[in-house]
Amino acid sequence: MVRVKFRYLVVNFLYPEPASKGKAHLPDLVQTYSPTPDSLHQGLLVRLIRDGVSELYGDYGMGMISGGLKVNYWSPSTSTAIIRCPRDHYEMVWAALTFVTRLPRPIDLPVVARVVRVSGTIKKAEEEVIKRSQQIIKKATKVMDGGANLPMLQAVQKSVGRERQNESEILTQIDDSDESGDMSEDMSE
């Protein structure tokens, strides 16, 4: 029996225009990588992708991606997602994301969806998310010139720290369960 193979797309959602005209002027880097509104959740993201694939490829595209499309990871604080899709048709999902210019109706913000990595395993995709979030925080703190007191930047740093801790705990649990499963297989042979 052949197992179904997937690709994992690491996607950043960038916001080219300011969400609101606030008193404090934010640098372009901080504004572009700003957090996504909480009203955008995994279900809306899947609907956004399916609508895009349907518009570009019609029923054929929907049939090819519908069985394997899933948002494995979504972080509104870092505006990052890991999307699982069928290996043979990941280009369709990528194209649909490329043509996204606005978030769905309740939010209706201009957005640029940028696929930053395509991976064959979820582990490498998660490592890429962690690496990129660390790079963005470092760049933002340099741009702010000691502006680590900015509330939005502090919130993102806390969120990334919590997510990094949660991901390392989950990966440790997975590794522990894999090792115990391997041991039981060796004993049975």
C-alpha atoms as a PDB file:
ATOM      1  CA  MET A   1       0.000   0.000   0.000  1.00  0.00           C
ATOM      2  CA  VAL A   2       1.284   3.440  -0.895  1.00  0.00           C
ATOM      3  CA  ARG A   3       1.115   6.212   1.654  1.00  0.00           C
ATOM      4  CA  VAL A   4      -0.131   9.651   0.694  1.00  0.00           C
ATOM      5  CA  LYS A   5       2.683  12.186   0.475  1.00  0.00           C
ATOM      6  CA  PHE A   6       2.339  15.826   1.384  1.00  0.00           C
ATOM      7  CA  ARG A   7       4.198  19.106   1.119  1.00  0.00           C
ATOM      8  CA  TYR A   8       4.214  21.733   3.843  1.00  0.00           C
ATOM      9  CA  LEU A   9       4.123  25.385   2.816  1.00  0.00           C
ATOM     10  CA  VAL A  10       5.432  27.978   5.280  1.00  0.00           C
ATOM     11  CA  VAL A  11       3.480  31.160   4.560  1.00  0.00           C
ATOM     12  CA  ASN A  12       3.927  34.689   5.928  1.00  0.00           C
ATOM     13  CA  PHE A  13       1.084  37.191   5.706  1.00  0.00           C
ATOM     14  CA  LEU A  14       2.436  40.695   5.198  1.00  0.00           C
ATOM     15  CA  TYR A  15       0.459  43.901   5.597  1.00  0.00           C
ATOM     16  CA  PRO A  16       1.652  46.636   3.207  1.00  0.00           C
ATOM     17  CA  GLU A  17      -0.770  49.311   4.477  1.00  0.00           C
ATOM     18  CA  PRO A  18      -1.247  50.433   8.075  1.00  0.00           C
ATOM     19  CA  ALA A  19      -4.337  48.951   9.723  1.00  0.00           C
ATOM     20  CA  SER A  20      -5.170  52.163  11.539  1.00  0.00           C
ATOM     21  CA  LYS A  21      -3.845  55.677  11.690  1.00  0.00           C
ATOM     22  CA  GLY A  22      -2.358  55.604  15.174  1.00  0.00           C
ATOM     23  CA  LYS A  23      -0.467  58.313  16.962  1.00  0.00           C
ATOM     24  CA  ALA A  24       2.781  56.363  17.054  1.00  0.00           C
ATOM     25  CA  HIS A  25       4.574  55.990  13.750  1.00  0.00           C
ATOM     26  CA  LEU A  26       5.809  52.439  13.307  1.00  0.00           C
ATOM     27  CA  PRO A  27       8.795  51.591  11.120  1.00  0.00           C
ATOM     28  CA  ASP A  28       7.979  49.841   7.847  1.00  0.00           C
ATOM     29  CA  LEU A  29       9.484  46.550   9.001  1.00  0.00           C
ATOM     30  CA  VAL A  30       7.318  46.418  12.120  1.00  0.00           C
ATOM     31  CA  GLN A  31       4.223  47.513  10.173  1.00  0.00           C
ATOM     32  CA  THR A  32       4.735  44.953   7.401  1.00  0.00           C
ATOM     33  CA  TYR A  33       5.165  42.064   9.848  1.00  0.00           C
ATOM     34  CA  SER A  34       2.337  43.187  12.120  1.00  0.00           C
ATOM     35  CA  PRO A  35       0.085  40.609  13.829  1.00  0.00           C
ATOM     36  CA  THR A  36      -2.989  39.324  12.034  1.00  0.00           C
ATOM     37  CA  PRO A  37      -6.423  40.114  13.524  1.00  0.00           C
ATOM     38  CA  ASP A  38      -7.693  37.336  15.803  1.00  0.00           C
ATOM     39  CA  SER A  39     -10.846  36.974  13.698  1.00  0.00           C
ATOM     40  CA  LEU A  40      -8.797  35.218  10.984  1.00  0.00           C
ATOM     41  CA  HIS A  41      -8.653  31.579  12.034  1.00  0.00           C
ATOM     42  CA  GLN A  42      -7.699  28.297  10.402  1.00  0.00           C
ATOM     43  CA  GLY A  43     -11.157  27.708   8.922  1.00  0.00           C
ATOM     44  CA  LEU A  44     -11.174  31.072   7.132  1.00  0.00           C
ATOM     45  CA  LEU A  45      -7.661  30.430   5.879  1.00  0.00           C
ATOM     46  CA  VAL A  46      -8.664  27.060   4.382  1.00  0.00           C
ATOM     47  CA  ARG A  47     -11.723  28.693   2.791  1.00  0.00           C
ATOM     48  CA  LEU A  48      -9.525  31.445   1.342  1.00  0.00           C
ATOM     49  CA  ILE A  49      -7.208  28.866  -0.252  1.00  0.00           C
ATOM     50  CA  ARG A  50     -10.055  26.719  -1.573  1.00  0.00           C
ATOM     51  CA  ASP A  51     -11.762  29.752  -3.113  1.00  0.00           C
ATOM     52  CA  GLY A  52      -8.487  30.758  -4.772  1.00  0.00           C
ATOM     53  CA  VAL A  53      -7.832  27.273  -6.173  1.00  0.00           C
ATOM     54  CA  SER A  54     -11.430  27.072  -7.388  1.00  0.00           C
ATOM     55  CA  GLU A  55     -11.115  30.439  -9.130  1.00  0.00           C
ATOM     56  CA  LEU A  56      -7.818  29.541 -10.802  1.00  0.00           C
ATOM     57  CA  TYR A  57      -8.268  25.824 -11.564  1.00  0.00           C
ATOM     58  CA  GLY A  58     -12.014  25.168 -11.274  1.00  0.00           C
ATOM     59  CA  ASP A  59     -13.437  21.812 -10.204  1.00  0.00           C
ATOM     60  CA  TYR A  60     -10.291  19.964 -11.251  1.00  0.00           C
ATOM     61  CA  GLY A  61      -8.150  21.957  -8.816  1.00  0.00           C
ATOM     62  CA  MET A  62     -10.673  21.568  -6.019  1.00  0.00           C
ATOM     63  CA  GLY A  63     -10.737  17.817  -6.508  1.00  0.00           C
ATOM     64  CA  MET A  64      -6.967  17.554  -6.478  1.00  0.00           C
ATOM     65  CA  ILE A  65      -6.352  19.518  -3.262  1.00  0.00           C
ATOM     66  CA  SER A  66      -9.536  19.051  -1.230  1.00  0.00           C
ATOM     67  CA  GLY A  67      -8.580  15.742   0.368  1.00  0.00           C
ATOM     68  CA  GLY A  68      -5.209  16.805   1.720  1.00  0.00           C
ATOM     69  CA  LEU A  69      -5.549  20.531   2.447  1.00  0.00           C
ATOM     70  CA  LYS A  70      -5.052  21.372   6.113  1.00  0.00           C
ATOM     71  CA  VAL A  71      -3.635  24.233   8.156  1.00  0.00           C
ATOM     72  CA  ASN A  72      -1.261  22.496  10.571  1.00  0.00           C
ATOM     73  CA  TYR A  73      -0.059  25.640  12.312  1.00  0.00           C
ATOM     74  CA  TRP A  74      -1.475  29.155  12.495  1.00  0.00           C
ATOM     75  CA  SER A  75      -0.086  32.003  14.572  1.00  0.00           C
ATOM     76  CA  PRO A  76      -1.909  35.348  14.410  1.00  0.00           C
ATOM     77  CA  SER A  77       0.832  37.016  16.460  1.00  0.00           C
ATOM     78  CA  THR A  78       3.537  36.258  13.879  1.00  0.00           C
ATOM     79  CA  SER A  79       1.166  36.099  10.858  1.00  0.00           C
ATOM     80  CA  THR A  80       2.634  32.723   9.929  1.00  0.00           C
ATOM     81  CA  ALA A  81       1.003  29.502   8.790  1.00  0.00           C
ATOM     82  CA  ILE A  82       2.107  25.994   7.877  1.00  0.00           C
ATOM     83  CA  ILE A  83      -0.236  24.537   5.285  1.00  0.00           C
ATOM     84  CA  ARG A  84      -0.281  20.848   4.384  1.00  0.00           C
ATOM     85  CA  CYS A  85      -1.273  19.970   0.817  1.00  0.00           C
ATOM     86  CA  PRO A  86      -0.871  17.035  -1.599  1.00  0.00           C
ATOM     87  CA  ARG A  87       2.686  16.708  -2.905  1.00  0.00           C
ATOM     88  CA  ASP A  88       1.723  16.470  -6.561  1.00  0.00           C
ATOM     89  CA  HIS A  89      -0.435  19.617  -6.455  1.00  0.00           C
ATOM     90  CA  TYR A  90       1.270  21.972  -4.000  1.00  0.00           C
ATOM     91  CA  GLU A  91       1.856  24.421  -6.869  1.00  0.00           C
ATOM     92  CA  MET A  92      -1.906  24.989  -7.093  1.00  0.00           C
ATOM     93  CA  VAL A  93      -2.061  26.007  -3.436  1.00  0.00           C
ATOM     94  CA  TRP A  94       1.014  28.196  -3.882  1.00  0.00           C
ATOM     95  CA  ALA A  95      -0.558  29.926  -6.904  1.00  0.00           C
ATOM     96  CA  ALA A  96      -3.814  30.500  -5.016  1.00  0.00           C
ATOM     97  CA  LEU A  97      -1.892  32.092  -2.140  1.00  0.00           C
ATOM     98  CA  THR A  98       0.078  34.260  -4.560  1.00  0.00           C
ATOM     99  CA  PHE A  99      -3.126  35.750  -5.952  1.00  0.00           C
ATOM    100  CA  VAL A 100      -4.529  36.653  -2.508  1.00  0.00           C
ATOM    101  CA  THR A 101      -4.740  40.447  -2.178  1.00  0.00           C
ATOM    102  CA  ARG A 102      -7.281  40.863   0.643  1.00  0.00           C
ATOM    103  CA  LEU A 103      -8.340  38.851   3.656  1.00  0.00           C
ATOM    104  CA  PRO A 104     -11.906  37.436   3.649  1.00  0.00           C
ATOM    105  CA  ARG A 105     -14.964  39.613   4.252  1.00  0.00           C
ATOM    106  CA  PRO A 106     -15.208  40.094   8.002  1.00  0.00           C
ATOM    107  CA  ILE A 107     -11.609  41.372   8.127  1.00  0.00           C
ATOM    108  CA  ASP A 108     -11.157  42.846   4.628  1.00  0.00           C
ATOM    109  CA  LEU A 109      -7.552  44.068   4.969  1.00  0.00           C
ATOM    110  CA  PRO A 110      -5.034  44.263   2.117  1.00  0.00           C
ATOM    111  CA  VAL A 111      -2.509  41.449   2.493  1.00  0.00           C
ATOM    112  CA  VAL A 112       0.366  39.796   0.665  1.00  0.00           C
ATOM    113  CA  ALA A 113       0.741  36.048   1.217  1.00  0.00           C
ATOM    114  CA  ARG A 114       4.356  35.009   0.738  1.00  0.00           C
ATOM    115  CA  VAL A 115       5.402  31.363   0.609  1.00  0.00           C
ATOM    116  CA  VAL A 116       8.843  31.327   2.204  1.00  0.00           C
ATOM    117  CA  ARG A 117       9.549  27.599   2.200  1.00  0.00           C
ATOM    118  CA  VAL A 118       8.251  24.335   0.813  1.00  0.00           C
ATOM    119  CA  SER A 119       9.183  21.306   2.888  1.00  0.00           C
ATOM    120  CA  GLY A 120       8.594  17.586   2.770  1.00  0.00           C
ATOM    121  CA  THR A 121       8.362  17.235   6.551  1.00  0.00           C
ATOM    122  CA  ILE A 122       6.492  19.157   9.219  1.00  0.00           C
ATOM    123  CA  LYS A 123       9.590  19.230  11.433  1.00  0.00           C
ATOM    124  CA  LYS A 124      11.672  21.213   8.916  1.00  0.00           C
ATOM    125  CA  ALA A 125       8.755  23.571   8.322  1.00  0.00           C
ATOM    126  CA  GLU A 126       8.471  24.229  12.072  1.00  0.00           C
ATOM    127  CA  GLU A 127      12.214  24.859  12.307  1.00  0.00           C
ATOM    128  CA  GLU A 128      11.929  27.403   9.490  1.00  0.00           C
ATOM    129  CA  VAL A 129       9.083  29.210  11.275  1.00  0.00           C
ATOM    130  CA  ILE A 130      11.150  29.480  14.446  1.00  0.00           C
ATOM    131  CA  LYS A 131      14.228  30.675  12.574  1.00  0.00           C
ATOM    132  CA  ARG A 132      12.326  33.337  10.637  1.00  0.00           C
ATOM    133  CA  SER A 133      10.464  34.653  13.675  1.00  0.00           C
ATOM    134  CA  GLN A 134      13.766  35.071  15.511  1.00  0.00           C
ATOM    135  CA  GLN A 135      15.242  36.937  12.530  1.00  0.00           C
ATOM    136  CA  ILE A 136      12.270  39.288  12.307  1.00  0.00           C
ATOM    137  CA  ILE A 137      12.437  40.106  16.015  1.00  0.00           C
ATOM    138  CA  LYS A 138      16.165  40.843  15.763  1.00  0.00           C
ATOM    139  CA  LYS A 139      15.626  43.099  12.736  1.00  0.00           C
ATOM    140  CA  ALA A 140      12.736  44.889  14.412  1.00  0.00           C
ATOM    141  CA  THR A 141      14.720  45.615  17.559  1.00  0.00           C
ATOM    142  CA  LYS A 142      17.592  47.000  15.444  1.00  0.00           C
ATOM    143  CA  VAL A 143      15.197  49.205  13.462  1.00  0.00           C
ATOM    144  CA  MET A 144      13.541  50.506  16.610  1.00  0.00           C
ATOM    145  CA  ASP A 145      16.957  51.559  18.060  1.00  0.00           C
ATOM    146  CA  GLY A 146      16.298  50.433  21.552  1.00  0.00           C
ATOM    147  CA  GLY A 147      12.544  50.482  21.002  1.00  0.00           C
ATOM    148  CA  ALA A 148      12.050  47.196  22.804  1.00  0.00           C
ATOM    149  CA  ASN A 149       9.581  49.100  25.007  1.00  0.00           C
ATOM    150  CA  LEU A 150       7.069  49.178  22.142  1.00  0.00           C
ATOM    151  CA  PRO A 151       4.022  47.185  23.393  1.00  0.00           C
ATOM    152  CA  MET A 152       3.374  45.445  20.067  1.00  0.00           C
ATOM    153  CA  LEU A 153       6.982  44.238  19.822  1.00  0.00           C
ATOM    154  CA  GLN A 154       6.903  42.975  23.407  1.00  0.00           C
ATOM    155  CA  ALA A 155       3.671  41.072  22.726  1.00  0.00           C
ATOM    156  CA  VAL A 156       5.184  39.401  19.661  1.00  0.00           C
ATOM    157  CA  GLN A 157       8.338  38.472  21.586  1.00  0.00           C
ATOM    158  CA  LYS A 158       6.288  36.902  24.402  1.00  0.00           C
ATOM    159  CA  SER A 159       4.099  35.027  21.944  1.00  0.00           C
ATOM    160  CA  VAL A 160       7.065  33.687  19.989  1.00  0.00           C
ATOM    161  CA  GLY A 161       8.709  32.587  23.239  1.00  0.00           C
ATOM    162  CA  ARG A 162       5.585  30.706  24.329  1.00  0.00           C
ATOM    163  CA  GLU A 163       5.167  29.098  20.902  1.00  0.00           C
ATOM    164  CA  ARG A 164       8.832  28.060  20.834  1.00  0.00           C
ATOM    165  CA  GLN A 165       8.430  26.444  24.265  1.00  0.00           C
ATOM    166  CA  ASN A 166       5.190  24.671  23.249  1.00  0.00           C
ATOM    167  CA  GLU A 167       6.724  23.404  20.009  1.00  0.00           C
ATOM    168  CA  SER A 168       9.808  22.062  21.766  1.00  0.00           C
ATOM    169  CA  GLU A 169       7.573  20.259  24.303  1.00  0.00           C
ATOM    170  CA  ILE A 170       5.478  18.732  21.529  1.00  0.00           C
ATOM    171  CA  LEU A 171       8.554  17.661  19.552  1.00  0.00           C
ATOM    172  CA  THR A 172       9.985  16.089  22.721  1.00  0.00           C
ATOM    173  CA  GLN A 173       6.748  14.167  23.293  1.00  0.00           C
ATOM    174  CA  ILE A 174       6.752  12.984  19.664  1.00  0.00           C
ATOM    175  CA  ASP A 175      10.388  11.897  19.915  1.00  0.00           C
ATOM    176  CA  ASP A 176       9.683  10.066  23.183  1.00  0.00           C
ATOM    177  CA  SER A 177       6.679   8.260  21.696  1.00  0.00           C
ATOM    178  CA  ASP A 178       8.704   7.323  18.590  1.00  0.00           C
ATOM    179  CA  GLU A 179      11.487   5.891  20.739  1.00  0.00           C
ATOM    180  CA  SER A 180       9.077   3.858  22.875  1.00  0.00           C
ATOM    181  CA  GLY A 181       7.332   2.615  19.701  1.00  0.00           C
ATOM    182  CA  ASP A 182      10.686   1.585  18.190  1.00  0.00           C
ATOM    183  CA  MET A 183      11.603  -0.275  21.370  1.00  0.00           C
ATOM    184  CA  SER A 184       8.374  -2.275  21.379  1.00  0.00           C
ATOM    185  CA  GLU A 185       8.864  -3.189  17.714  1.00  0.00           C
ATOM    186  CA  ASP A 186      12.412  -4.403  18.436  1.00  0.00           C
ATOM    187  CA  MET A 187      11.192  -6.539  21.352  1.00  0.00           C
ATOM    188  CA  SER A 188       8.485  -8.208  19.248  1.00  0.00           C
ATOM    189  CA  GLU A 189      10.975  -9.291  16.594  1.00  0.00           C
END
